Each structure stands twice: as C-alpha cells, then as structure tokens.
Amino acid sequence: MAFQPLRGALLLWRRGPVQSEDDGRQSIYRQPYGGRVMNRVLRLLVLGALIIVPGTSIAVERFDGTWRTKLTCPPKGNTEGYTWQFPSVIQNSNFRGEHGTAGEKGYLLLEGQIQADGSAKLSASGIVTSRKYARGVFAHGGADYSYDVKAQFKETEGTGVRSEGLGIVGRPCTFEFVKQQAPTGSNSQ
C-alpha cells in the first residue's frame, strides 16, 4: 500500500515507543513530565519524516534516466575549440557521464549529485587530448585535468557552465543536457 509509512507513524503516535526494562540508567521517561513530552516530540519527528521523505525521493527521481551531454569549449587565444557529445546517466540523483576510454587521451568523466531543485555541482576530470586543445603552461597531451561545473536541471533538459577559476587559464565551456526518451517495446508481429 502507498500509505503504509503513514499508517505505521499513526500507530506509533497512539501507542508510543516501546520501553525496555530498567537497567539503572537515568532516563527521561522517569521524569514526571519529561517522558510524555519526549514521547510526543519523538512521535512528531517520526511522523514528519515519514510524510516528507517519500515526497522528496519522488521529486528527486524525476531526473533519473539516460541523458545526452553536449560539451562546447570555444577557441581562446591560441587554443582551438571543440565540441563533444556523449551519453550520461542519472540514477538516484547521481549524474555520471563519460567521453572516451578511461586512461586514454581525450577521456572525460563528469559526475555529481543533483539536488531536489535541479541544481548541481558536477566534477569533471580527464586526460588532455592534445596541446592544441588545452590551455596553460604545463598542459600537454596525456596530462590530467579537472574542474567544476555549475549545472541546473529541469525534467527534460539542463545547462551547465565550467568554472573558469581565475579566468587566466580556463575558458567558458558550456554544457547542454537533454533527457532521452526511454525505448518503447518493439511491435514485432
């Protein structure tokens, strides 16, 4: 049943918590009014949690599914621009997308937690493809890099912006996220 947590909370409200045998420790339950007040506070907290938590998990799961991620980094100075598209998955509000093969040049891992309001701070880490696409004095093909992405998701789309740090080395890369339709069953006859 859908309302089982609520039913359990109501039973707890009526009966109160089960108390164990006295083991000699001081207990708030033995104080004249403290026990009744504490019982009522505990029951209210449990009831509130059982009502609010399922609604929160439903709200957050609205982002779950397969997404297409598009990363665009424009040219800056002598550094060439590029655009990558790759699949990503959101499961239990956890975003994870990968471009390329782990451990090889051109690899990118983008991951992070999406909040109930759709906001997210994603972490990107990867391996530089070539010096012509990387900024910085020490950037070269095969070097590791990382940066943060500030993102905002809606039910079927989202956007993100790369943190440019101090703006000296970074560039304003953007992200577009599009939720993919779940495949429907084949109509083979």
N, C-alpha and C. Protein backbone atom coordinates (compact mmCIF):
# COMPACT_ATOMS: atom_id res chain seq x y z
N MET A 1 0.84 -1.20 0.00
CA MET A 1 0.00 0.00 0.00
C MET A 1 0.87 1.24 0.00
N ALA A 2 0.33 2.29 -0.55
CA ALA A 2 1.08 3.53 -0.66
C ALA A 2 1.22 4.26 0.67
N PHE A 3 0.29 4.08 1.59
CA PHE A 3 0.30 4.85 2.83
C PHE A 3 0.77 4.04 4.02
N GLN A 4 1.49 2.94 3.80
CA GLN A 4 1.99 2.13 4.91
C GLN A 4 2.86 2.93 5.87
N PRO A 5 3.80 3.78 5.40
CA PRO A 5 4.61 4.55 6.37
C PRO A 5 3.75 5.45 7.24
N LEU A 6 2.72 6.04 6.66
CA LEU A 6 1.83 6.91 7.41
C LEU A 6 1.05 6.11 8.45
N ARG A 7 0.60 4.92 8.07
CA ARG A 7 -0.15 4.07 8.99
C ARG A 7 0.72 3.67 10.18
N GLY A 8 1.99 3.31 9.89
CA GLY A 8 2.90 2.96 10.96
C GLY A 8 3.16 4.13 11.90
N ALA A 9 3.27 5.31 11.34
CA ALA A 9 3.51 6.51 12.16
C ALA A 9 2.30 6.79 13.05
N LEU A 10 1.10 6.59 12.52
CA LEU A 10 -0.10 6.82 13.32
C LEU A 10 -0.20 5.82 14.47
N LEU A 11 0.18 4.56 14.22
CA LEU A 11 0.19 3.57 15.29
C LEU A 11 1.20 3.96 16.37
N LEU A 12 2.37 4.43 15.96
CA LEU A 12 3.38 4.89 16.90
C LEU A 12 2.84 6.07 17.71
N TRP A 13 2.11 6.95 17.07
CA TRP A 13 1.54 8.12 17.74
C TRP A 13 0.58 7.69 18.85
N ARG A 14 -0.24 6.69 18.56
CA ARG A 14 -1.23 6.24 19.54
C ARG A 14 -0.59 5.45 20.69
N ARG A 15 0.33 4.55 20.36
CA ARG A 15 0.89 3.65 21.38
C ARG A 15 2.13 4.21 22.07
N GLY A 16 2.92 4.98 21.38
CA GLY A 16 4.17 5.47 21.94
C GLY A 16 5.27 4.45 21.75
N PRO A 17 6.50 4.84 21.98
CA PRO A 17 7.62 3.90 21.80
C PRO A 17 7.64 2.82 22.88
N VAL A 18 8.15 1.66 22.54
CA VAL A 18 8.28 0.57 23.49
C VAL A 18 9.48 0.85 24.37
N GLN A 19 9.29 0.70 25.69
CA GLN A 19 10.38 0.96 26.63
C GLN A 19 10.96 -0.37 27.10
N SER A 20 12.28 -0.43 27.18
CA SER A 20 12.93 -1.65 27.65
C SER A 20 12.92 -1.67 29.18
N GLU A 21 13.34 -2.81 29.72
CA GLU A 21 13.40 -2.93 31.18
C GLU A 21 14.39 -1.93 31.75
N ASP A 22 14.18 -1.55 32.99
CA ASP A 22 15.05 -0.58 33.66
C ASP A 22 16.42 -1.21 33.90
N ASP A 23 17.45 -0.58 33.38
CA ASP A 23 18.80 -1.09 33.57
C ASP A 23 19.60 -0.19 34.50
N GLY A 24 18.94 0.68 35.23
CA GLY A 24 19.61 1.51 36.20
C GLY A 24 20.09 2.85 35.66
N ARG A 25 19.99 3.08 34.36
CA ARG A 25 20.43 4.36 33.80
C ARG A 25 19.34 5.41 33.99
N GLN A 26 19.79 6.65 34.11
CA GLN A 26 18.83 7.75 34.19
C GLN A 26 18.10 7.83 32.86
N SER A 27 16.81 8.02 32.90
CA SER A 27 16.03 8.09 31.67
C SER A 27 15.07 9.26 31.74
N ILE A 28 14.90 9.89 30.64
CA ILE A 28 13.94 11.00 30.58
C ILE A 28 12.53 10.49 30.81
N TYR A 29 12.29 9.17 30.57
CA TYR A 29 10.97 8.61 30.76
C TYR A 29 10.55 8.58 32.23
N ARG A 30 11.53 8.61 33.19
CA ARG A 30 11.20 8.56 34.59
C ARG A 30 10.98 9.93 35.20
N GLN A 31 11.20 10.97 34.42
CA GLN A 31 10.95 12.31 34.92
C GLN A 31 9.46 12.58 34.82
N PRO A 32 8.89 13.35 35.76
CA PRO A 32 7.44 13.50 35.83
C PRO A 32 6.77 13.86 34.50
N TYR A 33 7.18 14.92 33.83
CA TYR A 33 6.52 15.30 32.59
C TYR A 33 7.43 15.13 31.37
N GLY A 34 8.73 14.92 31.62
CA GLY A 34 9.69 14.81 30.53
C GLY A 34 9.42 13.65 29.61
N GLY A 35 9.00 12.53 30.17
CA GLY A 35 8.74 11.34 29.37
C GLY A 35 7.62 11.55 28.39
N ARG A 36 6.52 12.13 28.85
CA ARG A 36 5.37 12.35 27.96
C ARG A 36 5.70 13.37 26.88
N VAL A 37 6.41 14.40 27.26
CA VAL A 37 6.78 15.44 26.29
C VAL A 37 7.74 14.84 25.26
N MET A 38 8.72 14.08 25.74
CA MET A 38 9.71 13.49 24.83
C MET A 38 9.04 12.49 23.90
N ASN A 39 8.10 11.69 24.42
CA ASN A 39 7.37 10.75 23.57
C ASN A 39 6.64 11.50 22.45
N ARG A 40 5.98 12.56 22.81
CA ARG A 40 5.22 13.32 21.82
C ARG A 40 6.14 13.95 20.78
N VAL A 41 7.28 14.49 21.21
CA VAL A 41 8.24 15.09 20.28
C VAL A 41 8.79 14.03 19.33
N LEU A 42 9.16 12.87 19.88
CA LEU A 42 9.67 11.79 19.04
C LEU A 42 8.64 11.35 18.02
N ARG A 43 7.41 11.19 18.46
CA ARG A 43 6.36 10.77 17.53
C ARG A 43 6.13 11.80 16.43
N LEU A 44 6.17 13.08 16.78
CA LEU A 44 6.02 14.12 15.77
C LEU A 44 7.16 14.10 14.76
N LEU A 45 8.39 13.90 15.24
CA LEU A 45 9.53 13.83 14.34
C LEU A 45 9.43 12.65 13.39
N VAL A 46 9.06 11.49 13.90
CA VAL A 46 8.93 10.30 13.05
C VAL A 46 7.81 10.50 12.04
N LEU A 47 6.69 11.02 12.49
CA LEU A 47 5.56 11.26 11.59
C LEU A 47 5.95 12.24 10.49
N GLY A 48 6.62 13.31 10.85
CA GLY A 48 7.07 14.29 9.85
C GLY A 48 8.03 13.68 8.85
N ALA A 49 8.98 12.89 9.33
CA ALA A 49 9.95 12.27 8.44
C ALA A 49 9.29 11.29 7.49
N LEU A 50 8.34 10.51 7.98
CA LEU A 50 7.67 9.53 7.13
C LEU A 50 6.78 10.19 6.07
N ILE A 51 6.32 11.37 6.34
CA ILE A 51 5.50 12.07 5.36
C ILE A 51 6.37 12.81 4.35
N ILE A 52 7.44 13.43 4.79
CA ILE A 52 8.26 14.28 3.92
C ILE A 52 9.23 13.47 3.06
N VAL A 53 9.90 12.47 3.60
CA VAL A 53 10.95 11.75 2.89
C VAL A 53 10.45 11.09 1.60
N PRO A 54 9.32 10.37 1.58
CA PRO A 54 8.88 9.80 0.30
C PRO A 54 8.63 10.86 -0.76
N GLY A 55 8.09 11.99 -0.40
CA GLY A 55 7.85 13.07 -1.36
C GLY A 55 9.15 13.62 -1.91
N THR A 56 10.17 13.71 -1.08
CA THR A 56 11.47 14.21 -1.53
C THR A 56 12.10 13.24 -2.52
N SER A 57 12.05 11.94 -2.23
CA SER A 57 12.67 10.98 -3.14
C SER A 57 11.94 10.93 -4.47
N ILE A 58 10.63 11.10 -4.48
CA ILE A 58 9.89 11.14 -5.73
C ILE A 58 10.30 12.36 -6.53
N ALA A 59 10.43 13.51 -5.87
CA ALA A 59 10.80 14.74 -6.56
C ALA A 59 12.18 14.62 -7.18
N VAL A 60 13.12 14.00 -6.49
CA VAL A 60 14.48 13.91 -6.99
C VAL A 60 14.58 12.90 -8.13
N GLU A 61 13.82 11.82 -8.08
CA GLU A 61 13.87 10.78 -9.10
C GLU A 61 13.37 11.27 -10.46
N ARG A 62 12.78 12.44 -10.52
CA ARG A 62 12.26 12.93 -11.80
C ARG A 62 13.38 13.16 -12.81
N PHE A 63 14.62 13.26 -12.36
CA PHE A 63 15.75 13.46 -13.26
C PHE A 63 16.34 12.13 -13.75
N ASP A 64 16.00 11.03 -13.09
CA ASP A 64 16.60 9.75 -13.43
C ASP A 64 16.32 9.36 -14.88
N GLY A 65 17.34 8.79 -15.52
CA GLY A 65 17.20 8.33 -16.90
C GLY A 65 18.50 8.52 -17.66
N THR A 66 18.42 8.31 -18.98
CA THR A 66 19.56 8.48 -19.86
C THR A 66 19.52 9.87 -20.47
N TRP A 67 20.66 10.53 -20.49
CA TRP A 67 20.77 11.89 -21.00
C TRP A 67 21.86 11.96 -22.06
N ARG A 68 21.72 12.92 -22.98
CA ARG A 68 22.78 13.23 -23.94
C ARG A 68 23.44 14.51 -23.45
N THR A 69 24.75 14.48 -23.31
CA THR A 69 25.50 15.63 -22.84
C THR A 69 26.31 16.21 -23.99
N LYS A 70 26.22 17.52 -24.14
CA LYS A 70 27.00 18.22 -25.16
C LYS A 70 27.89 19.24 -24.47
N LEU A 71 29.19 19.08 -24.65
CA LEU A 71 30.19 19.98 -24.08
C LEU A 71 30.76 20.83 -25.22
N THR A 72 30.72 22.14 -25.07
CA THR A 72 31.27 23.04 -26.07
C THR A 72 32.29 23.97 -25.41
N CYS A 73 33.52 23.92 -25.90
CA CYS A 73 34.58 24.81 -25.43
C CYS A 73 35.03 25.65 -26.63
N PRO A 74 34.77 26.95 -26.61
CA PRO A 74 35.14 27.80 -27.75
C PRO A 74 36.64 28.04 -27.79
N PRO A 75 37.15 28.49 -28.94
CA PRO A 75 38.57 28.83 -29.01
C PRO A 75 38.89 30.00 -28.08
N LYS A 76 40.10 30.01 -27.55
CA LYS A 76 40.55 31.13 -26.72
C LYS A 76 42.05 31.29 -26.94
N GLY A 77 42.44 32.44 -27.42
CA GLY A 77 43.85 32.66 -27.73
C GLY A 77 44.31 31.70 -28.81
N ASN A 78 45.41 30.99 -28.55
CA ASN A 78 45.93 30.01 -29.50
C ASN A 78 45.34 28.62 -29.32
N THR A 79 44.40 28.48 -28.39
CA THR A 79 43.81 27.18 -28.10
C THR A 79 42.57 26.98 -28.96
N GLU A 80 42.51 25.85 -29.66
CA GLU A 80 41.37 25.56 -30.53
C GLU A 80 40.15 25.14 -29.72
N GLY A 81 38.99 25.37 -30.29
CA GLY A 81 37.75 24.96 -29.65
C GLY A 81 37.37 23.54 -30.03
N TYR A 82 36.43 23.00 -29.30
CA TYR A 82 35.93 21.65 -29.62
C TYR A 82 34.53 21.48 -29.05
N THR A 83 33.83 20.47 -29.57
CA THR A 83 32.50 20.08 -29.08
C THR A 83 32.48 18.56 -28.97
N TRP A 84 32.06 18.07 -27.82
CA TRP A 84 31.91 16.64 -27.59
C TRP A 84 30.46 16.35 -27.23
N GLN A 85 29.95 15.23 -27.71
CA GLN A 85 28.64 14.73 -27.28
C GLN A 85 28.84 13.32 -26.77
N PHE A 86 28.22 13.03 -25.63
CA PHE A 86 28.39 11.71 -25.04
C PHE A 86 27.19 11.37 -24.17
N PRO A 87 26.91 10.07 -23.98
CA PRO A 87 25.79 9.66 -23.13
C PRO A 87 26.12 9.82 -21.66
N SER A 88 25.08 10.10 -20.89
CA SER A 88 25.20 10.22 -19.44
C SER A 88 23.98 9.56 -18.81
N VAL A 89 24.11 9.22 -17.55
CA VAL A 89 23.00 8.58 -16.84
C VAL A 89 22.81 9.27 -15.50
N ILE A 90 21.56 9.49 -15.13
CA ILE A 90 21.23 9.95 -13.79
C ILE A 90 20.46 8.82 -13.12
N GLN A 91 20.98 8.37 -12.00
CA GLN A 91 20.34 7.31 -11.25
C GLN A 91 20.37 7.69 -9.78
N ASN A 92 19.20 7.71 -9.14
CA ASN A 92 19.08 8.13 -7.74
C ASN A 92 19.71 9.50 -7.52
N SER A 93 19.50 10.39 -8.48
CA SER A 93 20.00 11.77 -8.43
C SER A 93 21.51 11.89 -8.60
N ASN A 94 22.19 10.82 -8.96
CA ASN A 94 23.64 10.85 -9.21
C ASN A 94 23.89 10.90 -10.70
N PHE A 95 24.56 11.96 -11.15
CA PHE A 95 24.88 12.14 -12.55
C PHE A 95 26.24 11.51 -12.85
N ARG A 96 26.32 10.82 -13.99
CA ARG A 96 27.60 10.25 -14.43
C ARG A 96 27.62 10.20 -15.95
N GLY A 97 28.63 10.84 -16.52
CA GLY A 97 28.81 10.82 -17.96
C GLY A 97 30.27 10.61 -18.29
N GLU A 98 30.55 9.86 -19.36
CA GLU A 98 31.93 9.59 -19.77
C GLU A 98 32.09 9.80 -21.26
N HIS A 99 33.18 10.44 -21.63
CA HIS A 99 33.56 10.60 -23.02
C HIS A 99 34.90 9.89 -23.20
N GLY A 100 35.02 9.06 -24.22
CA GLY A 100 36.28 8.37 -24.48
C GLY A 100 36.46 7.14 -23.62
N THR A 101 37.70 6.68 -23.58
CA THR A 101 38.06 5.46 -22.86
C THR A 101 38.92 5.83 -21.65
N ALA A 102 38.55 5.32 -20.50
CA ALA A 102 39.28 5.62 -19.26
C ALA A 102 40.76 5.29 -19.42
N GLY A 103 41.60 6.24 -18.98
CA GLY A 103 43.04 6.04 -19.02
C GLY A 103 43.70 6.48 -20.32
N GLU A 104 42.89 6.84 -21.33
CA GLU A 104 43.46 7.26 -22.61
C GLU A 104 43.26 8.75 -22.84
N LYS A 105 44.05 9.32 -23.77
CA LYS A 105 43.91 10.73 -24.11
C LYS A 105 42.49 11.01 -24.59
N GLY A 106 41.96 12.16 -24.20
CA GLY A 106 40.61 12.54 -24.61
C GLY A 106 39.52 12.03 -23.69
N TYR A 107 39.90 11.36 -22.61
CA TYR A 107 38.89 10.84 -21.67
C TYR A 107 38.38 11.97 -20.78
N LEU A 108 37.08 11.94 -20.50
CA LEU A 108 36.44 12.89 -19.57
C LEU A 108 35.41 12.15 -18.74
N LEU A 109 35.46 12.35 -17.44
CA LEU A 109 34.45 11.82 -16.52
C LEU A 109 33.79 13.01 -15.86
N LEU A 110 32.46 13.06 -15.95
CA LEU A 110 31.67 14.14 -15.35
C LEU A 110 30.69 13.49 -14.40
N GLU A 111 30.74 13.87 -13.12
CA GLU A 111 29.83 13.24 -12.16
C GLU A 111 29.52 14.18 -11.01
N GLY A 112 28.39 13.89 -10.34
CA GLY A 112 27.99 14.68 -9.18
C GLY A 112 26.54 14.42 -8.80
N GLN A 113 26.14 15.01 -7.71
CA GLN A 113 24.81 14.85 -7.12
C GLN A 113 23.90 15.99 -7.57
N ILE A 114 22.68 15.64 -7.97
CA ILE A 114 21.69 16.64 -8.35
C ILE A 114 20.74 16.84 -7.16
N GLN A 115 20.54 18.08 -6.78
CA GLN A 115 19.67 18.42 -5.66
C GLN A 115 18.20 18.37 -6.11
N ALA A 116 17.27 18.37 -5.16
CA ALA A 116 15.84 18.29 -5.47
C ALA A 116 15.37 19.46 -6.34
N ASP A 117 16.02 20.62 -6.21
CA ASP A 117 15.62 21.78 -7.02
C ASP A 117 16.28 21.78 -8.40
N GLY A 118 17.06 20.75 -8.73
CA GLY A 118 17.70 20.63 -10.03
C GLY A 118 19.10 21.20 -10.10
N SER A 119 19.54 21.88 -9.06
CA SER A 119 20.90 22.45 -9.07
C SER A 119 21.91 21.34 -8.81
N ALA A 120 23.11 21.51 -9.38
CA ALA A 120 24.16 20.51 -9.20
C ALA A 120 25.53 21.14 -9.35
N LYS A 121 26.47 20.63 -8.57
CA LYS A 121 27.88 20.97 -8.75
C LYS A 121 28.54 19.67 -9.20
N LEU A 122 28.86 19.62 -10.48
CA LEU A 122 29.46 18.43 -11.06
C LEU A 122 30.97 18.58 -11.09
N SER A 123 31.67 17.47 -10.99
CA SER A 123 33.12 17.46 -11.06
C SER A 123 33.55 16.81 -12.36
N ALA A 124 34.41 17.49 -13.09
CA ALA A 124 34.94 16.95 -14.34
C ALA A 124 36.42 16.62 -14.14
N SER A 125 36.83 15.48 -14.63
CA SER A 125 38.24 15.11 -14.59
C SER A 125 38.54 14.33 -15.86
N GLY A 126 39.73 14.53 -16.39
CA GLY A 126 40.04 13.85 -17.63
C GLY A 126 41.50 13.89 -17.99
N ILE A 127 41.77 13.52 -19.24
CA ILE A 127 43.13 13.47 -19.76
C ILE A 127 43.16 14.30 -21.04
N VAL A 128 44.09 15.23 -21.11
CA VAL A 128 44.21 16.14 -22.26
C VAL A 128 44.44 15.34 -23.54
N THR A 129 43.68 15.70 -24.59
CA THR A 129 43.83 15.04 -25.88
C THR A 129 45.10 15.49 -26.58
N SER A 130 45.26 16.81 -26.70
CA SER A 130 46.38 17.37 -27.43
C SER A 130 46.63 18.78 -26.91
N ARG A 131 47.86 19.25 -27.03
CA ARG A 131 48.23 20.59 -26.59
C ARG A 131 47.41 21.66 -27.29
N LYS A 132 46.99 21.43 -28.51
CA LYS A 132 46.26 22.46 -29.25
C LYS A 132 44.86 22.71 -28.68
N TYR A 133 44.34 21.79 -27.83
CA TYR A 133 43.02 21.97 -27.21
C TYR A 133 43.09 22.35 -25.74
N ALA A 134 44.29 22.43 -25.20
CA ALA A 134 44.45 22.68 -23.76
C ALA A 134 45.11 24.03 -23.51
N ARG A 135 44.67 24.69 -22.44
CA ARG A 135 45.26 25.99 -22.06
C ARG A 135 46.16 25.78 -20.85
N GLY A 136 47.17 26.58 -20.76
CA GLY A 136 48.06 26.53 -19.61
C GLY A 136 49.48 26.20 -20.01
N VAL A 137 50.39 26.67 -19.19
CA VAL A 137 51.81 26.50 -19.45
C VAL A 137 52.21 25.03 -19.43
N PHE A 138 51.64 24.26 -18.51
CA PHE A 138 52.05 22.88 -18.34
C PHE A 138 51.10 21.88 -19.02
N ALA A 139 50.11 22.37 -19.75
CA ALA A 139 49.16 21.48 -20.41
C ALA A 139 49.81 20.82 -21.62
N HIS A 140 49.66 19.51 -21.72
CA HIS A 140 50.17 18.75 -22.86
C HIS A 140 49.33 17.49 -23.00
N GLY A 141 49.39 16.88 -24.16
CA GLY A 141 48.64 15.65 -24.39
C GLY A 141 49.01 14.60 -23.37
N GLY A 142 48.03 14.01 -22.75
CA GLY A 142 48.24 12.98 -21.74
C GLY A 142 48.24 13.49 -20.31
N ALA A 143 48.23 14.82 -20.13
CA ALA A 143 48.20 15.39 -18.76
C ALA A 143 46.80 15.29 -18.17
N ASP A 144 46.72 15.14 -16.87
CA ASP A 144 45.43 15.11 -16.17
C ASP A 144 44.92 16.53 -15.96
N TYR A 145 43.61 16.68 -15.92
CA TYR A 145 43.00 17.97 -15.60
C TYR A 145 41.70 17.73 -14.84
N SER A 146 41.21 18.78 -14.20
CA SER A 146 39.91 18.71 -13.51
C SER A 146 39.36 20.12 -13.35
N TYR A 147 38.06 20.20 -13.24
CA TYR A 147 37.36 21.46 -12.99
C TYR A 147 35.95 21.15 -12.51
N ASP A 148 35.26 22.16 -12.01
CA ASP A 148 33.88 22.03 -11.55
C ASP A 148 32.93 22.60 -12.58
N VAL A 149 31.71 22.11 -12.56
CA VAL A 149 30.65 22.58 -13.45
C VAL A 149 29.44 22.93 -12.60
N LYS A 150 28.96 24.15 -12.75
CA LYS A 150 27.72 24.55 -12.08
C LYS A 150 26.59 24.28 -13.07
N ALA A 151 25.66 23.40 -12.67
CA ALA A 151 24.60 22.97 -13.59
C ALA A 151 23.22 23.18 -12.98
N GLN A 152 22.23 23.25 -13.86
CA GLN A 152 20.83 23.35 -13.45
C GLN A 152 20.01 22.44 -14.35
N PHE A 153 19.28 21.51 -13.74
CA PHE A 153 18.46 20.56 -14.48
C PHE A 153 16.98 20.86 -14.32
N LYS A 154 16.23 20.60 -15.39
CA LYS A 154 14.77 20.58 -15.37
C LYS A 154 14.38 19.15 -15.70
N GLU A 155 13.10 18.87 -15.87
CA GLU A 155 12.66 17.50 -16.10
C GLU A 155 13.30 16.86 -17.33
N THR A 156 13.45 17.61 -18.44
CA THR A 156 13.94 17.00 -19.67
C THR A 156 15.16 17.69 -20.27
N GLU A 157 15.67 18.72 -19.61
CA GLU A 157 16.83 19.44 -20.15
C GLU A 157 17.62 20.09 -19.02
N GLY A 158 18.80 20.52 -19.36
CA GLY A 158 19.62 21.20 -18.37
C GLY A 158 20.76 21.94 -19.04
N THR A 159 21.40 22.81 -18.27
CA THR A 159 22.55 23.57 -18.76
C THR A 159 23.62 23.60 -17.68
N GLY A 160 24.84 23.87 -18.10
CA GLY A 160 25.93 23.97 -17.15
C GLY A 160 27.02 24.86 -17.68
N VAL A 161 27.83 25.39 -16.76
CA VAL A 161 28.94 26.26 -17.11
C VAL A 161 30.17 25.80 -16.35
N ARG A 162 31.27 25.69 -17.07
CA ARG A 162 32.54 25.32 -16.45
C ARG A 162 33.06 26.46 -15.59
N SER A 163 33.59 26.12 -14.43
CA SER A 163 34.25 27.12 -13.60
C SER A 163 35.54 27.51 -14.31
N GLU A 164 35.72 28.81 -14.49
CA GLU A 164 36.92 29.29 -15.18
C GLU A 164 38.07 29.57 -14.22
N GLY A 165 37.88 29.27 -12.96
CA GLY A 165 38.93 29.57 -11.99
C GLY A 165 39.14 31.07 -11.92
N LEU A 166 40.36 31.52 -12.03
CA LEU A 166 40.66 32.95 -12.01
C LEU A 166 40.50 33.59 -13.39
N GLY A 167 40.17 32.77 -14.41
CA GLY A 167 39.99 33.31 -15.75
C GLY A 167 41.28 33.44 -16.53
N ILE A 168 42.41 33.12 -15.90
CA ILE A 168 43.70 33.25 -16.56
C ILE A 168 43.93 32.06 -17.49
N VAL A 169 43.65 30.86 -16.98
CA VAL A 169 43.90 29.65 -17.74
C VAL A 169 42.62 29.08 -18.34
N GLY A 170 41.53 29.12 -17.58
CA GLY A 170 40.29 28.49 -18.02
C GLY A 170 39.62 29.21 -19.17
N ARG A 171 38.60 28.58 -19.70
CA ARG A 171 37.78 29.20 -20.74
C ARG A 171 36.33 28.86 -20.48
N PRO A 172 35.41 29.64 -21.03
CA PRO A 172 33.98 29.48 -20.70
C PRO A 172 33.31 28.33 -21.44
N CYS A 173 33.60 27.10 -21.05
CA CYS A 173 32.95 25.95 -21.67
C CYS A 173 31.51 25.83 -21.15
N THR A 174 30.62 25.39 -22.02
CA THR A 174 29.21 25.23 -21.64
C THR A 174 28.77 23.79 -21.84
N PHE A 175 27.75 23.41 -21.08
CA PHE A 175 27.18 22.07 -21.16
C PHE A 175 25.69 22.18 -21.44
N GLU A 176 25.20 21.30 -22.30
CA GLU A 176 23.77 21.15 -22.54
C GLU A 176 23.41 19.70 -22.26
N PHE A 177 22.35 19.51 -21.53
CA PHE A 177 21.89 18.16 -21.18
C PHE A 177 20.47 17.98 -21.72
N VAL A 178 20.24 16.87 -22.42
CA VAL A 178 18.91 16.58 -22.95
C VAL A 178 18.55 15.15 -22.55
N LYS A 179 17.42 15.01 -21.86
CA LYS A 179 16.96 13.69 -21.43
C LYS A 179 16.46 12.92 -22.66
N GLN A 180 16.87 11.68 -22.75
CA GLN A 180 16.48 10.82 -23.88
C GLN A 180 15.21 10.04 -23.52
N GLN A 181 14.39 9.83 -24.51
CA GLN A 181 13.17 9.06 -24.30
C GLN A 181 13.53 7.60 -24.03
N ALA A 182 12.82 7.00 -23.08
CA ALA A 182 13.02 5.59 -22.80
C ALA A 182 12.56 4.80 -24.02
N PRO A 183 13.33 3.79 -24.43
CA PRO A 183 12.92 3.00 -25.60
C PRO A 183 11.61 2.27 -25.32
N THR A 184 10.74 2.28 -26.30
CA THR A 184 9.47 1.57 -26.15
C THR A 184 9.64 0.15 -26.69
N GLY A 185 8.79 -0.74 -26.26
CA GLY A 185 8.85 -2.13 -26.71
C GLY A 185 8.64 -2.23 -28.21
N SER A 186 9.32 -3.18 -28.85
CA SER A 186 9.18 -3.34 -30.30
C SER A 186 7.85 -3.99 -30.63
N ASN A 187 7.29 -3.57 -31.72
CA ASN A 187 5.99 -4.10 -32.18
C ASN A 187 6.21 -5.16 -33.24
N SER A 188 6.87 -6.23 -32.90
CA SER A 188 7.11 -7.28 -33.88
C SER A 188 5.90 -8.21 -33.93
N GLN A 189 5.47 -8.50 -35.16
CA GLN A 189 4.28 -9.35 -35.33
C GLN A 189 4.62 -10.57 -36.11
